[in-house]
Amino acid sequence: MSQDAQDYVDDIARRRGYVLEYHQRMAAADVDVLRAADGLVTAAYLEPRSLDRKTKELLFVLSLTVMRADPDHIASHIRVALEHGATAQEVLEAIEIALPEAGVVAFQHGFAVWAEVTGAPRVEPSEGVRR
């Protein structure tokens, strides 16, 4: 692997607060295309604009939930949203927006990731109540 590819992956991790497997593999396979794709992401997502980073992360969590993205991808944006001041409740409310538009299956996908990341408690049925 080239030092250029390594430096670019490190840069992505610093700027975004996470790095995805596809970033790592694209850096090794074709760092120039990764740079081009990252330019669009930087302009729309990372550069300061009207929306703050917390709001952008909540939107990412919602859109990735609706698309039923890889759980690791959703989890990375949940963690960054929390790091940028979102509460677990705010992240959950963003995921809940998926219910009327994308349905229960999409919601459950995002909810499961949220529950794992936040360590959400559960309520078990009382003793003797059927499961």
N, C-alpha and C. Protein backbone atom coordinates (compact mmCIF):
# COMPACT_ATOMS: atom_id res chain seq x y z
N MET A 1 0.86 -1.18 0.00
CA MET A 1 0.00 0.00 0.00
C MET A 1 0.90 1.23 0.00
N SER A 2 0.49 2.24 -0.73
CA SER A 2 1.29 3.46 -0.82
C SER A 2 1.08 4.33 0.42
N GLN A 3 2.07 5.14 0.69
CA GLN A 3 1.96 6.09 1.80
C GLN A 3 0.85 7.09 1.52
N ASP A 4 0.66 7.43 0.23
CA ASP A 4 -0.41 8.36 -0.17
C ASP A 4 -1.78 7.81 0.23
N ALA A 5 -2.01 6.53 -0.03
CA ALA A 5 -3.28 5.89 0.33
C ALA A 5 -3.46 5.89 1.85
N GLN A 6 -2.40 5.57 2.58
CA GLN A 6 -2.48 5.56 4.04
C GLN A 6 -2.78 6.95 4.59
N ASP A 7 -2.09 7.95 4.05
CA ASP A 7 -2.31 9.32 4.50
C ASP A 7 -3.75 9.76 4.22
N TYR A 8 -4.30 9.32 3.09
CA TYR A 8 -5.66 9.72 2.75
C TYR A 8 -6.70 9.07 3.68
N VAL A 9 -6.52 7.82 4.00
CA VAL A 9 -7.42 7.14 4.94
C VAL A 9 -7.34 7.81 6.31
N ASP A 10 -6.14 8.15 6.74
CA ASP A 10 -5.99 8.85 8.02
C ASP A 10 -6.69 10.19 7.99
N ASP A 11 -6.60 10.89 6.86
CA ASP A 11 -7.26 12.18 6.70
C ASP A 11 -8.79 12.03 6.77
N ILE A 12 -9.32 11.02 6.11
CA ILE A 12 -10.77 10.76 6.16
C ILE A 12 -11.21 10.53 7.60
N ALA A 13 -10.47 9.70 8.32
CA ALA A 13 -10.82 9.40 9.71
C ALA A 13 -10.81 10.66 10.57
N ARG A 14 -9.83 11.52 10.36
CA ARG A 14 -9.76 12.77 11.14
C ARG A 14 -10.92 13.70 10.81
N ARG A 15 -11.22 13.88 9.51
CA ARG A 15 -12.25 14.84 9.11
C ARG A 15 -13.66 14.37 9.43
N ARG A 16 -13.91 13.09 9.26
CA ARG A 16 -15.27 12.57 9.43
C ARG A 16 -15.54 12.06 10.84
N GLY A 17 -14.51 11.60 11.50
CA GLY A 17 -14.70 10.98 12.80
C GLY A 17 -14.96 9.48 12.69
N TYR A 18 -14.82 8.94 11.51
CA TYR A 18 -14.98 7.50 11.25
C TYR A 18 -14.37 7.21 9.90
N VAL A 19 -14.13 5.96 9.63
CA VAL A 19 -13.69 5.50 8.32
C VAL A 19 -14.43 4.20 8.03
N LEU A 20 -14.96 4.09 6.84
CA LEU A 20 -15.70 2.88 6.45
C LEU A 20 -14.78 1.91 5.72
N GLU A 21 -15.17 0.66 5.68
CA GLU A 21 -14.35 -0.34 5.00
C GLU A 21 -14.16 0.02 3.53
N TYR A 22 -15.20 0.56 2.89
CA TYR A 22 -15.03 0.89 1.48
C TYR A 22 -14.00 1.99 1.28
N HIS A 23 -13.86 2.92 2.25
CA HIS A 23 -12.80 3.93 2.16
C HIS A 23 -11.43 3.24 2.16
N GLN A 24 -11.28 2.29 3.04
CA GLN A 24 -10.01 1.59 3.18
C GLN A 24 -9.66 0.80 1.92
N ARG A 25 -10.65 0.10 1.40
CA ARG A 25 -10.39 -0.71 0.20
C ARG A 25 -10.20 0.14 -1.05
N MET A 26 -10.99 1.23 -1.15
CA MET A 26 -10.82 2.12 -2.31
C MET A 26 -9.47 2.82 -2.26
N ALA A 27 -9.00 3.16 -1.09
CA ALA A 27 -7.69 3.80 -0.97
C ALA A 27 -6.61 2.88 -1.53
N ALA A 28 -6.72 1.60 -1.25
CA ALA A 28 -5.75 0.63 -1.76
C ALA A 28 -5.94 0.38 -3.26
N ALA A 29 -7.20 0.39 -3.72
CA ALA A 29 -7.48 0.04 -5.12
C ALA A 29 -7.36 1.23 -6.07
N ASP A 30 -7.88 2.40 -5.65
CA ASP A 30 -7.90 3.56 -6.56
C ASP A 30 -8.10 4.83 -5.76
N VAL A 31 -7.03 5.31 -5.16
CA VAL A 31 -7.11 6.47 -4.28
C VAL A 31 -7.58 7.72 -5.03
N ASP A 32 -7.32 7.82 -6.33
CA ASP A 32 -7.75 9.00 -7.08
C ASP A 32 -9.27 9.09 -7.18
N VAL A 33 -9.94 7.95 -7.40
CA VAL A 33 -11.41 7.95 -7.46
C VAL A 33 -11.97 8.19 -6.06
N LEU A 34 -11.34 7.63 -5.04
CA LEU A 34 -11.78 7.89 -3.67
C LEU A 34 -11.70 9.39 -3.37
N ARG A 35 -10.63 10.03 -3.78
CA ARG A 35 -10.51 11.48 -3.58
C ARG A 35 -11.63 12.23 -4.29
N ALA A 36 -11.95 11.83 -5.51
CA ALA A 36 -13.01 12.50 -6.28
C ALA A 36 -14.36 12.35 -5.57
N ALA A 37 -14.68 11.14 -5.15
CA ALA A 37 -15.95 10.90 -4.45
C ALA A 37 -15.97 11.65 -3.13
N ASP A 38 -14.85 11.67 -2.44
CA ASP A 38 -14.76 12.35 -1.16
C ASP A 38 -14.94 13.85 -1.31
N GLY A 39 -14.57 14.38 -2.46
CA GLY A 39 -14.75 15.81 -2.70
C GLY A 39 -16.22 16.21 -2.65
N LEU A 40 -17.09 15.40 -3.22
CA LEU A 40 -18.52 15.66 -3.18
C LEU A 40 -19.03 15.57 -1.74
N VAL A 41 -18.62 14.55 -1.03
CA VAL A 41 -19.04 14.38 0.36
C VAL A 41 -18.56 15.56 1.20
N THR A 42 -17.34 15.99 0.97
CA THR A 42 -16.80 17.12 1.71
C THR A 42 -17.63 18.37 1.48
N ALA A 43 -17.95 18.64 0.22
CA ALA A 43 -18.71 19.85 -0.11
C ALA A 43 -20.12 19.82 0.48
N ALA A 44 -20.79 18.67 0.41
CA ALA A 44 -22.18 18.58 0.86
C ALA A 44 -22.32 18.32 2.36
N TYR A 45 -21.33 17.70 2.96
CA TYR A 45 -21.49 17.18 4.32
C TYR A 45 -20.50 17.76 5.32
N LEU A 46 -19.24 17.84 4.98
CA LEU A 46 -18.24 18.22 5.96
C LEU A 46 -17.98 19.72 6.05
N GLU A 47 -18.08 20.41 4.94
CA GLU A 47 -17.81 21.85 4.96
C GLU A 47 -18.92 22.58 5.72
N PRO A 48 -18.55 23.60 6.50
CA PRO A 48 -19.58 24.38 7.19
C PRO A 48 -20.52 25.06 6.19
N ARG A 49 -21.80 24.89 6.41
CA ARG A 49 -22.82 25.51 5.58
C ARG A 49 -23.95 25.92 6.51
N SER A 50 -25.17 25.93 6.04
CA SER A 50 -26.30 26.35 6.87
C SER A 50 -26.64 25.36 7.97
N LEU A 51 -26.54 24.07 7.69
CA LEU A 51 -26.86 23.04 8.69
C LEU A 51 -25.63 22.73 9.52
N ASP A 52 -25.81 22.58 10.82
CA ASP A 52 -24.68 22.20 11.66
C ASP A 52 -24.44 20.70 11.56
N ARG A 53 -23.31 20.28 12.07
CA ARG A 53 -22.91 18.87 11.93
C ARG A 53 -23.89 17.93 12.62
N LYS A 54 -24.40 18.30 13.79
CA LYS A 54 -25.38 17.46 14.49
C LYS A 54 -26.59 17.20 13.61
N THR A 55 -27.13 18.25 12.98
CA THR A 55 -28.31 18.11 12.13
C THR A 55 -27.98 17.23 10.93
N LYS A 56 -26.81 17.44 10.33
CA LYS A 56 -26.42 16.60 9.18
C LYS A 56 -26.33 15.14 9.58
N GLU A 57 -25.79 14.87 10.76
CA GLU A 57 -25.68 13.48 11.22
C GLU A 57 -27.05 12.86 11.43
N LEU A 58 -27.98 13.61 12.01
CA LEU A 58 -29.34 13.09 12.20
C LEU A 58 -29.99 12.78 10.86
N LEU A 59 -29.76 13.64 9.87
CA LEU A 59 -30.29 13.38 8.53
C LEU A 59 -29.65 12.15 7.91
N PHE A 60 -28.35 11.98 8.12
CA PHE A 60 -27.68 10.78 7.62
C PHE A 60 -28.26 9.54 8.27
N VAL A 61 -28.45 9.57 9.59
CA VAL A 61 -29.01 8.40 10.29
C VAL A 61 -30.37 8.06 9.70
N LEU A 62 -31.21 9.05 9.49
CA LEU A 62 -32.53 8.80 8.91
C LEU A 62 -32.42 8.24 7.50
N SER A 63 -31.64 8.89 6.64
CA SER A 63 -31.58 8.43 5.25
C SER A 63 -30.95 7.04 5.15
N LEU A 64 -29.94 6.76 5.95
CA LEU A 64 -29.34 5.42 5.92
C LEU A 64 -30.30 4.37 6.45
N THR A 65 -31.12 4.74 7.44
CA THR A 65 -32.14 3.83 7.96
C THR A 65 -33.15 3.51 6.86
N VAL A 66 -33.63 4.53 6.18
CA VAL A 66 -34.63 4.32 5.12
C VAL A 66 -34.07 3.43 4.01
N MET A 67 -32.77 3.60 3.72
CA MET A 67 -32.14 2.79 2.67
C MET A 67 -31.70 1.41 3.17
N ARG A 68 -31.89 1.17 4.48
CA ARG A 68 -31.45 -0.07 5.11
C ARG A 68 -29.97 -0.34 4.84
N ALA A 69 -29.19 0.69 5.08
CA ALA A 69 -27.74 0.61 4.86
C ALA A 69 -27.11 -0.39 5.83
N ASP A 70 -25.87 -0.70 5.57
CA ASP A 70 -25.11 -1.59 6.43
C ASP A 70 -25.15 -1.06 7.87
N PRO A 71 -25.42 -1.91 8.84
CA PRO A 71 -25.50 -1.46 10.23
C PRO A 71 -24.26 -0.69 10.71
N ASP A 72 -23.08 -1.09 10.26
CA ASP A 72 -21.87 -0.37 10.67
C ASP A 72 -21.87 1.06 10.16
N HIS A 73 -22.42 1.28 8.98
CA HIS A 73 -22.50 2.63 8.41
C HIS A 73 -23.46 3.48 9.24
N ILE A 74 -24.62 2.93 9.56
CA ILE A 74 -25.59 3.66 10.39
C ILE A 74 -24.97 3.95 11.76
N ALA A 75 -24.34 2.94 12.35
CA ALA A 75 -23.74 3.10 13.68
C ALA A 75 -22.69 4.20 13.68
N SER A 76 -21.90 4.29 12.62
CA SER A 76 -20.86 5.33 12.58
C SER A 76 -21.47 6.71 12.65
N HIS A 77 -22.60 6.92 11.96
CA HIS A 77 -23.25 8.23 11.99
C HIS A 77 -23.99 8.47 13.31
N ILE A 78 -24.51 7.43 13.93
CA ILE A 78 -25.11 7.59 15.26
C ILE A 78 -24.05 8.05 16.25
N ARG A 79 -22.90 7.40 16.23
CA ARG A 79 -21.82 7.78 17.15
C ARG A 79 -21.36 9.22 16.91
N VAL A 80 -21.21 9.61 15.65
CA VAL A 80 -20.77 10.99 15.36
C VAL A 80 -21.87 11.98 15.77
N ALA A 81 -23.14 11.64 15.56
CA ALA A 81 -24.22 12.53 16.00
C ALA A 81 -24.15 12.74 17.51
N LEU A 82 -23.92 11.67 18.25
CA LEU A 82 -23.80 11.78 19.70
C LEU A 82 -22.58 12.63 20.08
N GLU A 83 -21.48 12.45 19.37
CA GLU A 83 -20.27 13.24 19.64
C GLU A 83 -20.51 14.73 19.36
N HIS A 84 -21.41 15.03 18.44
CA HIS A 84 -21.68 16.42 18.08
C HIS A 84 -22.89 16.99 18.82
N GLY A 85 -23.26 16.36 19.92
CA GLY A 85 -24.26 16.95 20.81
C GLY A 85 -25.67 16.41 20.72
N ALA A 86 -25.93 15.48 19.81
CA ALA A 86 -27.27 14.88 19.76
C ALA A 86 -27.43 13.98 20.98
N THR A 87 -28.65 13.91 21.49
CA THR A 87 -28.95 12.96 22.55
C THR A 87 -29.41 11.65 21.92
N ALA A 88 -29.38 10.60 22.70
CA ALA A 88 -29.89 9.31 22.21
C ALA A 88 -31.35 9.45 21.79
N GLN A 89 -32.11 10.25 22.55
CA GLN A 89 -33.53 10.47 22.23
C GLN A 89 -33.68 11.18 20.88
N GLU A 90 -32.84 12.17 20.62
CA GLU A 90 -32.92 12.88 19.33
C GLU A 90 -32.60 11.94 18.17
N VAL A 91 -31.62 11.08 18.34
CA VAL A 91 -31.28 10.12 17.30
C VAL A 91 -32.46 9.17 17.07
N LEU A 92 -33.05 8.69 18.16
CA LEU A 92 -34.23 7.82 18.04
C LEU A 92 -35.35 8.53 17.29
N GLU A 93 -35.61 9.79 17.62
CA GLU A 93 -36.68 10.53 16.93
C GLU A 93 -36.40 10.68 15.45
N ALA A 94 -35.13 10.85 15.08
CA ALA A 94 -34.78 10.90 13.66
C ALA A 94 -35.11 9.57 12.99
N ILE A 95 -34.77 8.48 13.65
CA ILE A 95 -35.06 7.14 13.10
C ILE A 95 -36.57 6.92 13.00
N GLU A 96 -37.31 7.40 13.99
CA GLU A 96 -38.77 7.22 13.99
C GLU A 96 -39.45 7.90 12.80
N ILE A 97 -38.82 8.89 12.23
CA ILE A 97 -39.39 9.55 11.04
C ILE A 97 -39.49 8.57 9.88
N ALA A 98 -38.69 7.51 9.91
CA ALA A 98 -38.76 6.49 8.87
C ALA A 98 -40.09 5.74 8.87
N LEU A 99 -40.75 5.68 10.02
CA LEU A 99 -41.98 4.88 10.13
C LEU A 99 -43.04 5.24 9.09
N PRO A 100 -43.49 6.50 9.01
CA PRO A 100 -44.57 6.78 8.06
C PRO A 100 -44.15 6.72 6.60
N GLU A 101 -42.88 6.99 6.32
CA GLU A 101 -42.44 7.05 4.92
C GLU A 101 -41.88 5.75 4.40
N ALA A 102 -41.14 5.03 5.23
CA ALA A 102 -40.46 3.82 4.76
C ALA A 102 -40.99 2.54 5.39
N GLY A 103 -41.77 2.68 6.47
CA GLY A 103 -42.40 1.52 7.07
C GLY A 103 -41.64 0.93 8.24
N VAL A 104 -42.31 -0.04 8.84
CA VAL A 104 -41.82 -0.66 10.06
C VAL A 104 -40.52 -1.43 9.85
N VAL A 105 -40.34 -2.07 8.71
CA VAL A 105 -39.13 -2.87 8.50
C VAL A 105 -37.90 -1.96 8.45
N ALA A 106 -37.99 -0.87 7.73
CA ALA A 106 -36.87 0.08 7.69
C ALA A 106 -36.62 0.66 9.08
N PHE A 107 -37.69 1.04 9.77
CA PHE A 107 -37.54 1.57 11.13
C PHE A 107 -36.84 0.55 12.03
N GLN A 108 -37.28 -0.70 12.01
CA GLN A 108 -36.70 -1.73 12.88
C GLN A 108 -35.21 -1.91 12.59
N HIS A 109 -34.82 -1.77 11.33
CA HIS A 109 -33.41 -1.89 10.95
C HIS A 109 -32.60 -0.80 11.67
N GLY A 110 -33.03 0.44 11.54
CA GLY A 110 -32.32 1.54 12.19
C GLY A 110 -32.41 1.47 13.70
N PHE A 111 -33.58 1.08 14.21
CA PHE A 111 -33.78 0.98 15.66
C PHE A 111 -32.83 -0.04 16.27
N ALA A 112 -32.66 -1.16 15.61
CA ALA A 112 -31.76 -2.20 16.14
C ALA A 112 -30.33 -1.66 16.26
N VAL A 113 -29.90 -0.89 15.27
CA VAL A 113 -28.56 -0.30 15.33
C VAL A 113 -28.49 0.71 16.48
N TRP A 114 -29.50 1.57 16.58
CA TRP A 114 -29.55 2.56 17.65
C TRP A 114 -29.49 1.89 19.02
N ALA A 115 -30.28 0.83 19.21
CA ALA A 115 -30.31 0.13 20.49
C ALA A 115 -28.95 -0.45 20.84
N GLU A 116 -28.27 -0.98 19.85
CA GLU A 116 -26.93 -1.55 20.06
C GLU A 116 -25.93 -0.45 20.44
N VAL A 117 -25.93 0.65 19.70
CA VAL A 117 -24.98 1.73 19.95
C VAL A 117 -25.22 2.39 21.30
N THR A 118 -26.48 2.61 21.64
CA THR A 118 -26.80 3.35 22.88
C THR A 118 -26.96 2.45 24.09
N GLY A 119 -26.99 1.14 23.89
CA GLY A 119 -27.20 0.24 25.02
C GLY A 119 -28.59 0.38 25.61
N ALA A 120 -29.58 0.61 24.76
CA ALA A 120 -30.95 0.83 25.21
C ALA A 120 -31.46 -0.35 26.04
N PRO A 121 -32.12 -0.05 27.16
CA PRO A 121 -32.67 -1.13 27.98
C PRO A 121 -33.91 -1.73 27.32
N ARG A 122 -34.35 -2.83 27.86
CA ARG A 122 -35.57 -3.47 27.36
C ARG A 122 -36.49 -3.78 28.52
N VAL A 123 -37.75 -3.92 28.23
CA VAL A 123 -38.75 -4.32 29.22
C VAL A 123 -39.16 -5.74 28.87
N GLU A 124 -38.94 -6.67 29.79
CA GLU A 124 -39.30 -8.07 29.58
C GLU A 124 -40.73 -8.30 30.05
N PRO A 125 -41.44 -9.25 29.45
CA PRO A 125 -42.76 -9.61 29.94
C PRO A 125 -42.67 -10.11 31.39
N SER A 126 -43.70 -9.86 32.14
CA SER A 126 -43.73 -10.33 33.53
C SER A 126 -43.72 -11.85 33.57
N GLU A 127 -43.29 -12.37 34.70
CA GLU A 127 -43.28 -13.82 34.92
C GLU A 127 -44.68 -14.37 34.65
N GLY A 128 -44.74 -15.45 33.89
CA GLY A 128 -46.01 -16.11 33.62
C GLY A 128 -46.79 -15.53 32.45
N VAL A 129 -46.33 -14.42 31.88
CA VAL A 129 -47.01 -13.84 30.71
C VAL A 129 -46.39 -14.46 29.47
N ARG A 130 -47.24 -14.87 28.54
CA ARG A 130 -46.74 -15.52 27.32
C ARG A 130 -45.86 -14.58 26.53
N ARG A 131 -44.88 -15.16 25.92
CA ARG A 131 -44.00 -14.39 25.03
C ARG A 131 -44.42 -14.58 23.62
